[in-house]
Every structure is written in C-alpha cells, then in structure tokens.
C-alpha cells in the first residue's frame, strides 16, 4: 500500500493548518492511501549549519529532534505533504529549518516521490509561502500534486478555517489528485522503471568567463 507523510509545521497541533491537512488526509485514506501526520511545529528545531556530516554518514549530525527519524519514514513513503501557517508571507521558520536539514541530510533518491504543500493564513501571504515550500520538491525530482486552486485555507481560528468551504474543497481535490498520481507513477515504475537521471555535470562559473 502506498504511504504519504504529512508534516504539520504549525506550533498549534490542531490549528488552521491542521484543518487543511486533516481534510487531505481523510481523502487520501478514502482513496486507499496509508497516511501518517507528524507534528513538528512546536519543537525547537535548529537550522542546517553546513557541516557536511551528512555527506559521510547519510544522516544529520544533530539528533535532538526528529529530522533523522522522519528521513527514514520519508525514504519508504511515496508522497510528502508539507503544511505551514503564513508568517510574514513565508512559511513557519521552524518548518523551514526542519526541511533544510531533512532534504539536505537524507541522501536517498527522492525522484518520483509525489510532493504537495498546504498553507493557511488570515488574509495574505499564502501564495508566496506556497511557492517556497514547493521548491523543496522541484529541486529533488519530485512531481508536485496540484488541485483546483492553490492549496490554501483562510481563517484566524480552526472554526473559521472550517467555514472556508472552497479551501476544504481544494484539499479534497488535492488528496484525490495525489492518490491518482502516486498510483500512476507506481504502475509505470513497475512497467518501465524510473526515468534516467544524469549527474555527471556540475557547473560553476567561478571566474565569470566560462
């Protein structure tokens, strides 16, 4: 059975971001996809210090938060959904620190794992935050699941977010699209394998001449 991890970057375990993630999660499970929601937004997660330890060990040097634990689950999963509230038109800083280390330190291939992001705010900044989160997927060879609008929900409280009927509809459509995309990729992988990935060229323009 396919599995999708959902990461809640909000410090409020059942706040507005959870309302959106929960709607996607219920839809995925109705589609036969196993899910696991991981709450990290309230944790003291430090950022990447570019020490290079993960290049030798395959894991992050810091072990006092769940980055390495989640990396092992991510390795086995077929999909990853990131959820964040909007702070100053950007995702939660805790989530960004977590994701910088998760994607940098986990050395396994992420190619063709399906990604999606979900954002919540009172009024504005959703689109900018949505864009930031999606870049973790697009640099990693991960197809991004989409919906019928950008994956956002509005409200100051969970009760208000539950009144955003279009937002909830967007989450359900996202869940269905993600489940379909995962099944399609798995079927093609079994039939023909994954696409070839070239890694031999790594270009720097240090002197500005080449």
Protein backbone atom coordinates (compact mmCIF):
# COMPACT_ATOMS: atom_id res chain seq x y z
CA UNK A 1 0.00 0.00 0.00
CA UNK A 2 1.22 3.50 -0.84
CA UNK A 3 2.03 5.79 2.07
CA UNK A 4 2.03 9.58 2.39
CA UNK A 5 3.65 11.55 5.22
CA UNK A 6 2.02 14.82 6.27
CA UNK A 7 4.24 17.30 8.16
CA UNK A 8 2.46 19.92 10.27
CA UNK A 9 4.76 22.91 10.71
CA UNK A 10 2.30 24.87 12.82
CA UNK A 11 3.02 25.27 16.55
CA UNK A 12 -0.69 24.58 17.10
CA UNK A 13 -1.26 20.82 16.63
CA UNK A 14 -4.94 21.29 15.78
CA UNK A 15 -4.97 24.81 14.40
CA UNK A 16 -5.89 26.12 10.96
CA UNK A 17 -3.07 24.27 9.18
CA UNK A 18 -4.26 21.02 10.74
CA UNK A 19 -7.79 21.65 9.44
CA UNK A 20 -6.39 21.71 5.89
CA UNK A 21 -4.05 18.74 6.39
CA UNK A 22 -6.78 16.70 8.04
CA UNK A 23 -9.06 17.20 5.05
CA UNK A 24 -6.36 15.97 2.68
CA UNK A 25 -5.53 13.08 5.00
CA UNK A 26 -9.14 11.86 5.17
CA UNK A 27 -9.39 12.00 1.39
CA UNK A 28 -6.15 10.06 0.86
CA UNK A 29 -7.28 7.35 3.25
CA UNK A 30 -10.64 7.13 1.44
CA UNK A 31 -8.57 6.57 -1.72
CA UNK A 32 -6.75 3.65 -0.13
CA UNK A 33 -3.52 5.50 0.72
CA UNK A 34 -1.93 4.99 4.14
CA UNK A 35 -1.05 8.25 5.90
CA UNK A 36 0.91 9.48 8.90
CA UNK A 37 0.66 13.01 10.29
CA UNK A 38 3.82 14.23 12.02
CA UNK A 39 3.65 17.31 14.26
CA UNK A 40 6.91 19.30 14.38
CA UNK A 41 5.88 22.97 14.59
CA UNK A 42 6.17 23.25 18.37
CA UNK A 43 9.67 21.71 18.54
CA UNK A 44 12.98 23.61 18.95
CA UNK A 45 14.42 22.67 15.54
CA UNK A 46 17.76 24.25 14.65
CA UNK A 47 18.76 25.10 11.10
CA UNK A 48 21.40 23.49 8.92
CA UNK A 49 24.99 24.53 9.78
CA UNK A 50 26.51 23.18 6.53
CA UNK A 51 28.94 20.94 8.43
CA UNK A 52 28.98 18.24 5.75
CA UNK A 53 28.48 15.40 8.23
CA UNK A 54 25.56 14.01 6.23
CA UNK A 55 27.75 13.54 3.14
CA UNK A 56 29.71 10.89 5.05
CA UNK A 57 27.07 9.46 7.39
CA UNK A 58 23.88 9.78 5.35
CA UNK A 59 22.12 11.47 8.28
CA UNK A 60 22.11 14.78 10.13
CA UNK A 61 24.69 15.34 12.84
CA UNK A 62 22.03 16.73 15.18
CA UNK A 63 19.95 14.03 16.82
CA UNK A 64 17.94 16.02 19.39
CA UNK A 65 14.96 16.49 17.09
CA UNK A 66 13.08 14.15 14.70
CA UNK A 67 14.82 15.04 11.40
CA UNK A 68 16.64 11.70 11.09
CA UNK A 69 13.60 9.76 12.26
CA UNK A 70 11.37 11.43 9.68
CA UNK A 71 14.02 10.88 7.00
CA UNK A 72 13.72 7.11 7.49
CA UNK A 73 9.95 7.33 7.08
CA UNK A 74 10.33 9.63 4.06
CA UNK A 75 12.62 7.07 2.44
CA UNK A 76 9.86 4.45 2.47
CA UNK A 77 6.96 6.78 1.62
CA UNK A 78 5.60 7.51 -1.84
CA UNK A 79 4.43 11.03 -1.02
CA UNK A 80 5.11 14.00 1.26
CA UNK A 81 2.74 16.85 2.17
CA UNK A 82 4.06 19.95 3.93
CA UNK A 83 1.69 22.15 5.93
CA UNK A 84 2.51 25.60 7.29
CA UNK A 85 0.91 28.74 8.63
CA UNK A 86 1.98 32.00 6.99
CA UNK A 87 4.40 34.22 8.95
CA UNK A 88 5.34 37.48 7.21
CA UNK A 89 4.41 36.00 3.80
CA UNK A 90 6.65 32.98 4.42
CA UNK A 91 6.33 29.51 5.96
CA UNK A 92 6.97 28.95 9.65
CA UNK A 93 10.71 29.25 10.41
CA UNK A 94 10.68 26.00 12.39
CA UNK A 95 9.37 24.13 9.38
CA UNK A 96 11.94 25.70 7.05
CA UNK A 97 14.80 24.73 9.39
CA UNK A 98 13.39 21.22 9.54
CA UNK A 99 13.07 20.95 5.76
CA UNK A 100 16.52 22.38 5.04
CA UNK A 101 18.06 19.62 7.14
CA UNK A 102 15.64 16.88 6.04
CA UNK A 103 16.26 17.40 2.33
CA UNK A 104 19.99 18.09 2.67
CA UNK A 105 20.88 15.25 5.03
CA UNK A 106 18.73 12.46 3.57
CA UNK A 107 20.93 11.10 0.80
CA UNK A 108 18.43 8.63 -0.69
CA UNK A 109 16.85 9.39 -4.11
CA UNK A 110 13.59 11.32 -3.91
CA UNK A 111 12.89 11.05 -7.63
CA UNK A 112 9.19 10.49 -8.43
CA UNK A 113 8.02 10.68 -4.82
CA UNK A 114 4.98 12.96 -5.00
CA UNK A 115 5.04 16.24 -3.11
CA UNK A 116 2.39 18.76 -2.13
CA UNK A 117 2.23 21.77 0.16
CA UNK A 118 -0.65 23.31 2.09
CA UNK A 119 -0.67 26.80 3.64
CA UNK A 120 -3.02 28.72 5.90
CA UNK A 121 -3.34 32.37 6.83
CA UNK A 122 -5.79 35.01 7.95
CA UNK A 123 -5.67 37.04 4.74
CA UNK A 124 -2.50 37.33 2.62
CA UNK A 125 0.91 35.75 2.03
CA UNK A 126 -0.35 32.30 1.09
CA UNK A 127 0.90 32.26 -2.49
CA UNK A 128 4.44 33.33 -1.52
CA UNK A 129 4.59 30.69 1.22
CA UNK A 130 3.19 28.04 -1.13
CA UNK A 131 5.94 28.83 -3.64
CA UNK A 132 8.72 28.48 -1.05
CA UNK A 133 7.55 25.04 0.06
CA UNK A 134 7.14 23.69 -3.46
CA UNK A 135 10.78 24.44 -4.26
CA UNK A 136 11.90 21.62 -1.95
CA UNK A 137 10.11 19.23 -4.30
CA UNK A 138 11.15 20.71 -7.63
CA UNK A 139 14.86 20.58 -6.83
CA UNK A 140 14.51 16.92 -5.81
CA UNK A 141 12.88 15.36 -8.88
CA UNK A 142 9.54 15.13 -7.08
CA UNK A 143 6.34 15.72 -9.10
CA UNK A 144 4.08 18.27 -7.41
CA UNK A 145 0.43 17.36 -6.94
CA UNK A 146 -1.96 20.20 -7.67
CA UNK A 147 -5.61 20.97 -7.06
CA UNK A 148 -8.34 23.27 -8.40
CA UNK A 149 -6.65 26.34 -6.87
CA UNK A 150 -3.52 26.99 -4.87
CA UNK A 151 -3.55 24.76 -1.80
CA UNK A 152 -4.57 27.33 0.78
CA UNK A 153 -7.12 27.84 3.51
CA UNK A 154 -8.13 31.02 5.33
CA UNK A 155 -9.09 31.74 8.93
CA UNK A 156 -7.78 33.03 12.27
CA UNK A 157 -9.11 30.02 14.18
CA UNK A 158 -9.79 26.38 13.31
CA UNK A 159 -13.50 27.17 13.48
CA UNK A 160 -13.09 29.90 10.88
CA UNK A 161 -10.93 27.67 8.67
CA UNK A 162 -13.67 25.03 8.70
CA UNK A 163 -16.01 27.66 7.22
CA UNK A 164 -13.72 28.11 4.19
CA UNK A 165 -15.71 25.70 2.06
CA UNK A 166 -13.67 26.33 -1.08
CA UNK A 167 -10.46 25.80 0.86
CA UNK A 168 -11.71 22.44 2.15
CA UNK A 169 -12.82 21.51 -1.36
CA UNK A 170 -9.33 22.32 -2.64
CA UNK A 171 -7.86 19.96 -0.05
CA UNK A 172 -10.15 17.10 -1.06
CA UNK A 173 -9.32 17.58 -4.74
CA UNK A 174 -5.64 17.65 -3.81
CA UNK A 175 -5.98 14.34 -1.98
CA UNK A 176 -7.67 12.67 -4.94
CA UNK A 177 -5.13 14.04 -7.42
CA UNK A 178 -2.22 12.97 -5.25
CA UNK A 179 -3.56 9.45 -4.84
CA UNK A 180 -4.07 9.17 -8.61
CA UNK A 181 -0.57 10.46 -9.36
CA UNK A 182 1.02 8.05 -6.89
CA UNK A 183 -0.83 5.11 -8.43
CA UNK A 184 0.12 6.18 -11.96
CA UNK A 185 3.81 6.52 -11.05
CA UNK A 186 3.85 3.16 -9.29
CA UNK A 187 2.25 1.47 -12.29
CA UNK A 188 4.76 2.95 -14.73
CA UNK A 189 7.66 2.20 -12.36
CA UNK A 190 6.67 -1.47 -12.29
CA UNK A 191 6.31 -1.49 -16.07
CA UNK A 192 9.33 0.51 -17.24
CA UNK A 193 11.28 1.70 -14.20
CA UNK A 194 12.08 5.28 -13.28
CA UNK A 195 13.46 7.86 -15.73
CA UNK A 196 17.22 8.07 -16.12
CA UNK A 197 18.86 10.81 -14.05
CA UNK A 198 22.09 12.44 -15.25
CA UNK A 199 24.50 13.64 -12.54
CA UNK A 200 27.89 13.96 -14.24
CA UNK A 201 27.87 17.73 -14.88
CA UNK A 202 28.07 20.21 -12.01
CA UNK A 203 28.76 23.64 -13.41
CA UNK A 204 30.25 26.61 -11.53
CA UNK A 205 31.15 29.94 -13.10
CA UNK A 206 33.84 30.92 -10.61
CA UNK A 207 35.84 33.27 -12.89
CA UNK A 208 32.89 34.64 -14.82
CA UNK A 209 34.45 33.64 -18.16
CA UNK A 210 33.10 30.18 -18.91
